[in-house]
C-alpha atoms as a PDB file:
ATOM      1  CA  UNK A   1      97.921 -28.445  38.609  1.00  0.00           C
ATOM      2  CA  UNK A   2      96.526 -30.812  36.071  1.00  0.00           C
ATOM      3  CA  UNK A   3      93.401 -33.147  35.286  1.00  0.00           C
ATOM      4  CA  UNK A   4      93.655 -36.685  35.430  1.00  0.00           C
ATOM      5  CA  UNK A   5      91.738 -39.955  34.390  1.00  0.00           C
ATOM      6  CA  UNK A   6      92.240 -42.657  36.999  1.00  0.00           C
ATOM      7  CA  UNK A   7      90.400 -45.522  35.014  1.00  0.00           C
ATOM      8  CA  UNK A   8      91.159 -46.027  31.425  1.00  0.00           C
ATOM      9  CA  UNK A   9      91.409 -48.805  28.728  1.00  0.00           C
ATOM     10  CA  UNK A  10      94.188 -47.214  26.328  1.00  0.00           C
ATOM     11  CA  UNK A  11      95.144 -50.805  25.144  1.00  0.00           C
ATOM     12  CA  UNK A  12      91.352 -51.596  24.230  1.00  0.00           C
ATOM     13  CA  UNK A  13      91.284 -52.481  20.295  1.00  0.00           C
ATOM     14  CA  UNK A  14      88.604 -49.723  20.117  1.00  0.00           C
ATOM     15  CA  UNK A  15      91.255 -47.267  20.957  1.00  0.00           C
ATOM     16  CA  UNK A  16      94.143 -48.509  18.422  1.00  0.00           C
ATOM     17  CA  UNK A  17      93.224 -46.703  15.273  1.00  0.00           C
ATOM     18  CA  UNK A  18      93.953 -43.397  16.647  1.00  0.00           C
ATOM     19  CA  UNK A  19      95.767 -43.474  19.991  1.00  0.00           C
ATOM     20  CA  UNK A  20      98.250 -40.925  19.461  1.00  0.00           C
ATOM     21  CA  UNK A  21      95.666 -38.384  18.583  1.00  0.00           C
ATOM     22  CA  UNK A  22      93.477 -39.516  21.678  1.00  0.00           C
ATOM     23  CA  UNK A  23      96.668 -38.484  23.747  1.00  0.00           C
ATOM     24  CA  UNK A  24      96.879 -35.337  22.036  1.00  0.00           C
ATOM     25  CA  UNK A  25      93.506 -34.451  22.863  1.00  0.00           C
ATOM     26  CA  UNK A  26      93.613 -35.550  26.552  1.00  0.00           C
ATOM     27  CA  UNK A  27      96.736 -33.051  26.700  1.00  0.00           C
ATOM     28  CA  UNK A  28      94.944 -30.237  24.868  1.00  0.00           C
ATOM     29  CA  UNK A  29      92.054 -30.616  27.428  1.00  0.00           C
ATOM     30  CA  UNK A  30      94.329 -30.401  30.321  1.00  0.00           C
ATOM     31  CA  UNK A  31      95.220 -33.773  31.292  1.00  0.00           C
ATOM     32  CA  UNK A  32      98.536 -34.470  32.717  1.00  0.00           C
ATOM     33  CA  UNK A  33      98.028 -38.049  34.160  1.00  0.00           C
ATOM     34  CA  UNK A  34      95.983 -41.060  32.347  1.00  0.00           C
ATOM     35  CA  UNK A  35      96.167 -44.542  34.187  1.00  0.00           C
ATOM     36  CA  UNK A  36      95.627 -47.277  32.139  1.00  0.00           C
ATOM     37  CA  UNK A  37      94.262 -50.407  33.595  1.00  0.00           C
ATOM     38  CA  UNK A  38      95.260 -53.640  32.959  1.00  0.00           C
ATOM     39  CA  UNK A  39      92.628 -56.883  32.758  1.00  0.00           C
ATOM     40  CA  UNK A  40      95.582 -59.882  32.479  1.00  0.00           C
ATOM     41  CA  UNK A  41      98.873 -60.749  32.146  1.00  0.00           C
ATOM     42  CA  UNK A  42      98.797 -60.102  28.194  1.00  0.00           C
ATOM     43  CA  UNK A  43      97.045 -56.691  28.691  1.00  0.00           C
ATOM     44  CA  UNK A  44      99.365 -55.736  31.809  1.00  0.00           C
ATOM     45  CA  UNK A  45     102.208 -56.174  29.239  1.00  0.00           C
ATOM     46  CA  UNK A  46     100.638 -53.992  26.923  1.00  0.00           C
ATOM     47  CA  UNK A  47      99.773 -51.360  29.721  1.00  0.00           C
ATOM     48  CA  UNK A  48     103.508 -51.440  30.741  1.00  0.00           C
ATOM     49  CA  UNK A  49     104.747 -50.800  27.116  1.00  0.00           C
ATOM     50  CA  UNK A  50     102.536 -47.995  26.426  1.00  0.00           C
ATOM     51  CA  UNK A  51     103.622 -46.217  29.956  1.00  0.00           C
ATOM     52  CA  UNK A  52     107.165 -46.502  28.975  1.00  0.00           C
ATOM     53  CA  UNK A  53     106.286 -44.713  25.636  1.00  0.00           C
ATOM     54  CA  UNK A  54     104.377 -41.830  27.063  1.00  0.00           C
ATOM     55  CA  UNK A  55     105.127 -40.070  30.500  1.00  0.00           C
ATOM     56  CA  UNK A  56     101.392 -39.325  30.852  1.00  0.00           C
ATOM     57  CA  UNK A  57     100.389 -42.801  31.185  1.00  0.00           C
ATOM     58  CA  UNK A  58     100.868 -44.421  34.097  1.00  0.00           C
ATOM     59  CA  UNK A  59     100.457 -48.354  34.561  1.00  0.00           C
ATOM     60  CA  UNK A  60      97.878 -49.937  36.779  1.00  0.00           C
ATOM     61  CA  UNK A  61      98.267 -53.623  36.747  1.00  0.00           C
ATOM     62  CA  UNK A  62      95.345 -55.861  37.243  1.00  0.00           C
ATOM     63  CA  UNK A  63      93.497 -58.936  37.085  1.00  0.00           C
ATOM     64  CA  UNK A  64      89.629 -58.517  36.129  1.00  0.00           C
ATOM     65  CA  UNK A  65      87.519 -60.435  38.424  1.00  0.00           C
ATOM     66  CA  UNK A  66      85.769 -62.188  35.500  1.00  0.00           C
ATOM     67  CA  UNK A  67      89.325 -63.019  33.984  1.00  0.00           C
ATOM     68  CA  UNK A  68      90.181 -64.436  37.592  1.00  0.00           C
ATOM     69  CA  UNK A  69      87.890 -67.182  37.127  1.00  0.00           C
ATOM     70  CA  UNK A  70      87.193 -67.402  33.338  1.00  0.00           C
ATOM     71  CA  UNK A  71      89.482 -70.531  32.468  1.00  0.00           C
ATOM     72  CA  UNK A  72      87.555 -72.065  35.118  1.00  0.00           C
ATOM     73  CA  UNK A  73      84.278 -70.826  33.915  1.00  0.00           C
ATOM     74  CA  UNK A  74      85.038 -72.003  30.289  1.00  0.00           C
ATOM     75  CA  UNK A  75      85.805 -75.601  31.403  1.00  0.00           C
ATOM     76  CA  UNK A  76      82.353 -75.659  32.978  1.00  0.00           C
ATOM     77  CA  UNK A  77      80.748 -74.378  29.759  1.00  0.00           C
ATOM     78  CA  UNK A  78      79.633 -70.932  31.093  1.00  0.00           C
ATOM     79  CA  UNK A  79      79.373 -68.232  28.091  1.00  0.00           C
ATOM     80  CA  UNK A  80      81.211 -65.223  28.372  1.00  0.00           C
ATOM     81  CA  UNK A  81      81.102 -62.804  25.469  1.00  0.00           C
ATOM     82  CA  UNK A  82      84.822 -62.198  25.062  1.00  0.00           C
ATOM     83  CA  UNK A  83      87.846 -64.295  23.208  1.00  0.00           C
ATOM     84  CA  UNK A  84      91.573 -64.711  24.077  1.00  0.00           C
ATOM     85  CA  UNK A  85      93.783 -63.552  26.812  1.00  0.00           C
ATOM     86  CA  UNK A  86      92.559 -66.156  29.256  1.00  0.00           C
ATOM     87  CA  UNK A  87      94.687 -67.622  31.938  1.00  0.00           C
ATOM     88  CA  UNK A  88      94.476 -69.536  35.077  1.00  0.00           C
ATOM     89  CA  UNK A  89      94.055 -67.839  38.416  1.00  0.00           C
ATOM     90  CA  UNK A  90      97.447 -68.710  39.397  1.00  0.00           C
ATOM     91  CA  UNK A  91      99.268 -67.072  36.473  1.00  0.00           C
ATOM     92  CA  UNK A  92      97.547 -64.101  36.739  1.00  0.00           C
ATOM     93  CA  UNK A  93      98.286 -63.790  40.733  1.00  0.00           C
ATOM     94  CA  UNK A  94     101.806 -64.784  39.980  1.00  0.00           C
ATOM     95  CA  UNK A  95     102.361 -61.951  36.975  1.00  0.00           C
ATOM     96  CA  UNK A  96     101.135 -59.466  39.871  1.00  0.00           C
ATOM     97  CA  UNK A  97     103.539 -60.745  42.169  1.00  0.00           C
ATOM     98  CA  UNK A  98     106.435 -60.629  39.769  1.00  0.00           C
ATOM     99  CA  UNK A  99     105.617 -56.970  38.340  1.00  0.00           C
ATOM    100  CA  UNK A 100     103.723 -55.292  41.208  1.00  0.00           C
ATOM    101  CA  UNK A 101     106.784 -52.838  41.677  1.00  0.00           C
ATOM    102  CA  UNK A 102     106.396 -51.508  38.316  1.00  0.00           C
ATOM    103  CA  UNK A 103     102.825 -50.831  38.940  1.00  0.00           C
ATOM    104  CA  UNK A 104     101.461 -47.064  39.750  1.00  0.00           C
ATOM    105  CA  UNK A 105      98.566 -48.644  40.960  1.00  0.00           C
ATOM    106  CA  UNK A 106      96.953 -52.328  41.262  1.00  0.00           C
ATOM    107  CA  UNK A 107      93.712 -52.719  39.367  1.00  0.00           C
ATOM    108  CA  UNK A 108      91.516 -53.515  38.130  1.00  0.00           C
ATOM    109  CA  UNK A 109      90.535 -55.828  40.622  1.00  0.00           C
ATOM    110  CA  UNK A 110      87.378 -56.983  42.991  1.00  0.00           C
ATOM    111  CA  UNK A 111      84.607 -58.802  42.633  1.00  0.00           C
ATOM    112  CA  UNK A 112      81.730 -59.480  39.834  1.00  0.00           C
ATOM    113  CA  UNK A 113      78.528 -61.367  40.193  1.00  0.00           C
ATOM    114  CA  UNK A 114      76.873 -59.855  37.295  1.00  0.00           C
ATOM    115  CA  UNK A 115      79.043 -62.391  34.602  1.00  0.00           C
ATOM    116  CA  UNK A 116      80.209 -64.831  37.217  1.00  0.00           C
ATOM    117  CA  UNK A 117      77.654 -67.416  38.662  1.00  0.00           C
ATOM    118  CA  UNK A 118      77.498 -67.731  42.444  1.00  0.00           C
ATOM    119  CA  UNK A 119      79.455 -71.211  42.220  1.00  0.00           C
ATOM    120  CA  UNK A 120      82.615 -69.426  41.119  1.00  0.00           C
ATOM    121  CA  UNK A 121      82.563 -66.862  43.675  1.00  0.00           C
ATOM    122  CA  UNK A 122      84.535 -68.395  46.407  1.00  0.00           C
ATOM    123  CA  UNK A 123      87.354 -68.896  43.778  1.00  0.00           C
ATOM    124  CA  UNK A 124      87.001 -65.185  42.878  1.00  0.00           C
ATOM    125  CA  UNK A 125      87.099 -64.109  46.333  1.00  0.00           C
ATOM    126  CA  UNK A 126      90.473 -65.859  46.708  1.00  0.00           C
ATOM    127  CA  UNK A 127      92.230 -64.352  44.033  1.00  0.00           C
ATOM    128  CA  UNK A 128      90.928 -60.784  45.011  1.00  0.00           C
ATOM    129  CA  UNK A 129      92.001 -61.599  48.481  1.00  0.00           C
ATOM    130  CA  UNK A 130      95.686 -62.540  47.124  1.00  0.00           C
ATOM    131  CA  UNK A 131      96.066 -59.418  45.069  1.00  0.00           C
ATOM    132  CA  UNK A 132      94.843 -57.105  47.584  1.00  0.00           C
ATOM    133  CA  UNK A 133      97.359 -58.622  49.806  1.00  0.00           C
ATOM    134  CA  UNK A 134     100.340 -58.122  47.101  1.00  0.00           C
ATOM    135  CA  UNK A 135      99.070 -54.515  46.897  1.00  0.00           C
ATOM    136  CA  UNK A 136      99.133 -53.840  50.616  1.00  0.00           C
ATOM    137  CA  UNK A 137     102.686 -55.614  50.671  1.00  0.00           C
ATOM    138  CA  UNK A 138     104.061 -53.258  47.799  1.00  0.00           C
ATOM    139  CA  UNK A 139     102.160 -50.009  49.409  1.00  0.00           C
ATOM    140  CA  UNK A 140     100.316 -49.500  46.228  1.00  0.00           C
ATOM    141  CA  UNK A 141      96.878 -47.792  45.676  1.00  0.00           C
ATOM    142  CA  UNK A 142      94.214 -50.099  44.730  1.00  0.00           C
ATOM    143  CA  UNK A 143      91.418 -49.598  42.006  1.00  0.00           C
ATOM    144  CA  UNK A 144      88.344 -51.635  42.280  1.00  0.00           C
ATOM    145  CA  UNK A 145      85.762 -53.053  40.072  1.00  0.00           C
ATOM    146  CA  UNK A 146      82.945 -54.588  41.719  1.00  0.00           C
ATOM    147  CA  UNK A 147      79.531 -55.560  39.984  1.00  0.00           C
ATOM    148  CA  UNK A 148      76.388 -56.536  42.131  1.00  0.00           C
ATOM    149  CA  UNK A 149      78.825 -57.762  44.741  1.00  0.00           C
ATOM    150  CA  UNK A 150      79.620 -54.146  46.460  1.00  0.00           C
ATOM    151  CA  UNK A 151      79.212 -54.749  50.015  1.00  0.00           C
ATOM    152  CA  UNK A 152      81.011 -58.083  49.928  1.00  0.00           C
ATOM    153  CA  UNK A 153      84.033 -56.159  48.416  1.00  0.00           C
ATOM    154  CA  UNK A 154      83.719 -53.406  50.972  1.00  0.00           C
ATOM    155  CA  UNK A 155      83.931 -55.989  53.822  1.00  0.00           C
ATOM    156  CA  UNK A 156      86.888 -57.980  52.341  1.00  0.00           C
ATOM    157  CA  UNK A 157      88.721 -54.564  52.102  1.00  0.00           C
ATOM    158  CA  UNK A 158      87.761 -53.610  55.374  1.00  0.00           C
ATOM    159  CA  UNK A 159      89.038 -57.296  56.834  1.00  0.00           C
ATOM    160  CA  UNK A 160      92.437 -56.761  55.147  1.00  0.00           C
ATOM    161  CA  UNK A 161      92.413 -53.161  56.279  1.00  0.00           C
ATOM    162  CA  UNK A 162      92.894 -51.594  52.598  1.00  0.00           C
ATOM    163  CA  UNK A 163      92.678 -47.891  52.994  1.00  0.00           C
ATOM    164  CA  UNK A 164      94.114 -46.333  49.526  1.00  0.00           C
ATOM    165  CA  UNK A 165      91.466 -47.361  47.402  1.00  0.00           C
ATOM    166  CA  UNK A 166      89.392 -46.154  44.353  1.00  0.00           C
ATOM    167  CA  UNK A 167      86.158 -47.545  43.517  1.00  0.00           C
ATOM    168  CA  UNK A 168      85.689 -47.115  39.867  1.00  0.00           C
ATOM    169  CA  UNK A 169      82.541 -46.651  37.996  1.00  0.00           C
ATOM    170  CA  UNK A 170      80.223 -47.742  41.392  1.00  0.00           C
ATOM    171  CA  UNK A 171      76.934 -49.204  40.488  1.00  0.00           C
ATOM    172  CA  UNK A 172      75.050 -49.809  43.600  1.00  0.00           C
ATOM    173  CA  UNK A 173      72.905 -47.488  45.952  1.00  0.00           C
ATOM    174  CA  UNK A 174      74.353 -44.001  46.498  1.00  0.00           C
ATOM    175  CA  UNK A 175      73.882 -44.824  50.561  1.00  0.00           C
ATOM    176  CA  UNK A 176      76.678 -47.468  50.082  1.00  0.00           C
ATOM    177  CA  UNK A 177      78.910 -45.266  47.927  1.00  0.00           C
ATOM    178  CA  UNK A 178      78.370 -42.714  51.302  1.00  0.00           C
ATOM    179  CA  UNK A 179      79.604 -45.574  53.694  1.00  0.00           C
ATOM    180  CA  UNK A 180      82.602 -46.159  51.256  1.00  0.00           C
ATOM    181  CA  UNK A 181      83.463 -42.565  51.246  1.00  0.00           C
ATOM    182  CA  UNK A 182      82.958 -42.385  55.204  1.00  0.00           C
ATOM    183  CA  UNK A 183      85.449 -45.326  55.270  1.00  0.00           C
ATOM    184  CA  UNK A 184      88.083 -43.062  53.731  1.00  0.00           C
ATOM    185  CA  UNK A 185      88.050 -44.601  50.256  1.00  0.00           C
ATOM    186  CA  UNK A 186      87.676 -42.611  46.882  1.00  0.00           C
ATOM    187  CA  UNK A 187      85.081 -43.307  44.325  1.00  0.00           C
ATOM    188  CA  UNK A 188      85.528 -42.392  40.496  1.00  0.00           C
ATOM    189  CA  UNK A 189      82.661 -40.727  38.648  1.00  0.00           C
ATOM    190  CA  UNK A 190      82.795 -41.282  34.652  1.00  0.00           C
ATOM    191  CA  UNK A 191      82.068 -39.247  31.879  1.00  0.00           C
ATOM    192  CA  UNK A 192      78.326 -39.987  31.250  1.00  0.00           C
ATOM    193  CA  UNK A 193      77.724 -38.335  34.983  1.00  0.00           C
ATOM    194  CA  UNK A 194      75.672 -35.636  33.383  1.00  0.00           C
ATOM    195  CA  UNK A 195      73.129 -38.111  31.858  1.00  0.00           C
ATOM    196  CA  UNK A 196      73.266 -40.501  34.976  1.00  0.00           C
ATOM    197  CA  UNK A 197      71.101 -39.528  37.801  1.00  0.00           C
ATOM    198  CA  UNK A 198      73.183 -41.733  39.824  1.00  0.00           C
ATOM    199  CA  UNK A 199      76.425 -40.195  39.601  1.00  0.00           C
ATOM    200  CA  UNK A 200      74.947 -36.913  39.440  1.00  0.00           C
ATOM    201  CA  UNK A 201      73.801 -37.653  43.006  1.00  0.00           C
ATOM    202  CA  UNK A 202      77.036 -38.882  44.203  1.00  0.00           C
ATOM    203  CA  UNK A 203      78.690 -35.569  43.071  1.00  0.00           C
ATOM    204  CA  UNK A 204      76.024 -33.806  45.045  1.00  0.00           C
ATOM    205  CA  UNK A 205      76.347 -35.918  48.193  1.00  0.00           C
ATOM    206  CA  UNK A 206      79.489 -37.171  48.512  1.00  0.00           C
ATOM    207  CA  UNK A 207      82.257 -35.680  50.503  1.00  0.00           C
ATOM    208  CA  UNK A 208      84.064 -33.541  47.910  1.00  0.00           C
ATOM    209  CA  UNK A 209      87.341 -34.711  49.325  1.00  0.00           C
ATOM    210  CA  UNK A 210      86.421 -38.458  48.324  1.00  0.00           C
ATOM    211  CA  UNK A 211      85.570 -37.906  44.683  1.00  0.00           C
ATOM    212  CA  UNK A 212      87.960 -38.741  41.532  1.00  0.00           C
ATOM    213  CA  UNK A 213      87.428 -38.498  37.857  1.00  0.00           C
ATOM    214  CA  UNK A 214      87.667 -41.407  35.145  1.00  0.00           C
ATOM    215  CA  UNK A 215      86.486 -42.182  31.988  1.00  0.00           C
ATOM    216  CA  UNK A 216      86.488 -46.014  31.561  1.00  0.00           C
ATOM    217  CA  UNK A 217      86.999 -45.368  27.901  1.00  0.00           C
ATOM    218  CA  UNK A 218      86.323 -46.747  25.381  1.00  0.00           C
ATOM    219  CA  UNK A 219      82.903 -47.090  27.503  1.00  0.00           C
ATOM    220  CA  UNK A 220      80.811 -44.669  29.284  1.00  0.00           C
ATOM    221  CA  UNK A 221      80.847 -41.826  27.254  1.00  0.00           C
ATOM    222  CA  UNK A 222      79.203 -38.182  27.603  1.00  0.00           C
ATOM    223  CA  UNK A 223      76.619 -39.589  24.587  1.00  0.00           C
ATOM    224  CA  UNK A 224      75.198 -42.846  24.356  1.00  0.00           C
ATOM    225  CA  UNK A 225      76.889 -45.218  21.672  1.00  0.00           C
ATOM    226  CA  UNK A 226      79.959 -42.889  21.008  1.00  0.00           C
ATOM    227  CA  UNK A 227      83.529 -44.058  22.025  1.00  0.00           C
ATOM    228  CA  UNK A 228      84.895 -42.333  25.160  1.00  0.00           C
ATOM    229  CA  UNK A 229      88.292 -40.867  25.697  1.00  0.00           C
ATOM    230  CA  UNK A 230      90.307 -39.300  28.296  1.00  0.00           C
ATOM    231  CA  UNK A 231      89.459 -35.682  27.292  1.00  0.00           C
ATOM    232  CA  UNK A 232      86.156 -36.211  28.566  1.00  0.00           C
ATOM    233  CA  UNK A 233      87.118 -35.995  32.148  1.00  0.00           C
ATOM    234  CA  UNK A 234      87.566 -32.180  31.404  1.00  0.00           C
ATOM    235  CA  UNK A 235      83.758 -31.786  30.975  1.00  0.00           C
ATOM    236  CA  UNK A 236      83.169 -33.945  34.019  1.00  0.00           C
ATOM    237  CA  UNK A 237      85.239 -31.773  36.202  1.00  0.00           C
ATOM    238  CA  UNK A 238      83.185 -28.689  35.154  1.00  0.00           C
ATOM    239  CA  UNK A 239      80.119 -30.503  35.706  1.00  0.00           C
ATOM    240  CA  UNK A 240      81.260 -31.102  39.187  1.00  0.00           C
ATOM    241  CA  UNK A 241      82.114 -27.234  39.678  1.00  0.00           C
ATOM    242  CA  UNK A 242      78.683 -26.554  38.275  1.00  0.00           C
ATOM    243  CA  UNK A 243      76.871 -28.787  40.872  1.00  0.00           C
ATOM    244  CA  UNK A 244      79.258 -27.611  43.737  1.00  0.00           C
ATOM    245  CA  UNK A 245      78.988 -23.947  43.128  1.00  0.00           C
ATOM    246  CA  UNK A 246      82.404 -23.401  42.490  1.00  0.00           C
ATOM    247  CA  UNK A 247      84.641 -22.271  39.702  1.00  0.00           C
ATOM    248  CA  UNK A 248      86.318 -24.487  37.337  1.00  0.00           C
ATOM    249  CA  UNK A 249      89.331 -23.949  38.620  1.00  0.00           C
ATOM    250  CA  UNK A 250      88.279 -24.454  42.548  1.00  0.00           C
ATOM    251  CA  UNK A 251      86.476 -27.665  41.447  1.00  0.00           C
ATOM    252  CA  UNK A 252      89.935 -28.708  39.227  1.00  0.00           C
ATOM    253  CA  UNK A 253      92.173 -28.012  42.625  1.00  0.00           C
ATOM    254  CA  UNK A 254      89.893 -29.974  45.002  1.00  0.00           C
ATOM    255  CA  UNK A 255      89.946 -33.128  42.277  1.00  0.00           C
ATOM    256  CA  UNK A 256      93.652 -32.601  42.071  1.00  0.00           C
ATOM    257  CA  UNK A 257      94.258 -32.588  45.444  1.00  0.00           C
ATOM    258  CA  UNK A 258      92.013 -35.840  45.920  1.00  0.00           C
ATOM    259  CA  UNK A 259      94.461 -37.571  43.371  1.00  0.00           C
ATOM    260  CA  UNK A 260      97.470 -36.269  45.369  1.00  0.00           C
ATOM    261  CA  UNK A 261      95.890 -37.672  48.443  1.00  0.00           C
ATOM    262  CA  UNK A 262      95.490 -41.299  47.035  1.00  0.00           C
ATOM    263  CA  UNK A 263      98.256 -41.642  44.609  1.00  0.00           C
ATOM    264  CA  UNK A 264     101.093 -39.825  46.557  1.00  0.00           C
ATOM    265  CA  UNK A 265     101.710 -37.271  43.837  1.00  0.00           C
ATOM    266  CA  UNK A 266      99.987 -34.522  42.015  1.00  0.00           C
ATOM    267  CA  UNK A 267      98.561 -35.326  38.498  1.00  0.00           C
END
């Protein structure tokens, strides 16, 4: 039985300087699996290369919801605070079609209404549908990013019949999180849970068999402004045990069972 991180960005530039040490610290903390999520074809290539070099790292190949319409947004003069690694929607979908069999999971994918203005939502939804259908055809679990479009994301997933789904860093109402869990999907709790009323409430009230662990590293660390890393999921597991009134071993066992149920293997 091991701990895990279902949503990390090990290929992020902020992780590059000491990535070998990051992986060592993760192992020392009890992690046996880190799912590194890709954002676009270039990032997916980097994720695959990293996974090939370390068996603890599993590749999630994705097309970030902003990236899915970013080229179109740029042409329309919409500002987005990131440069490089842009591609057309067709290129991103085609990449997943060609490489989905190499993926441990498909993600992160979804809908984003925070950075993406409403005129681009239909195009974003079309890409999302295509990626969900690819995941279903390949029988791969899906890792979701959604921001300010949570309900619409759920509607599309329900319509397409997607059941093997993890919602990463869910930021909407806990009531909707409960509905998602009752639908049979999973929600992953990041390492800032102890200082987040919302994530604490989710740990307290969601069915325990629908909870997973993540970091979203380098973001969402236990302390504000400090780079996050996968080893911090151990503290989240301990916090879950504290809230559940269970031993750390019992909490870790539940969380490992949840991972196995979604991904088809133990962490």
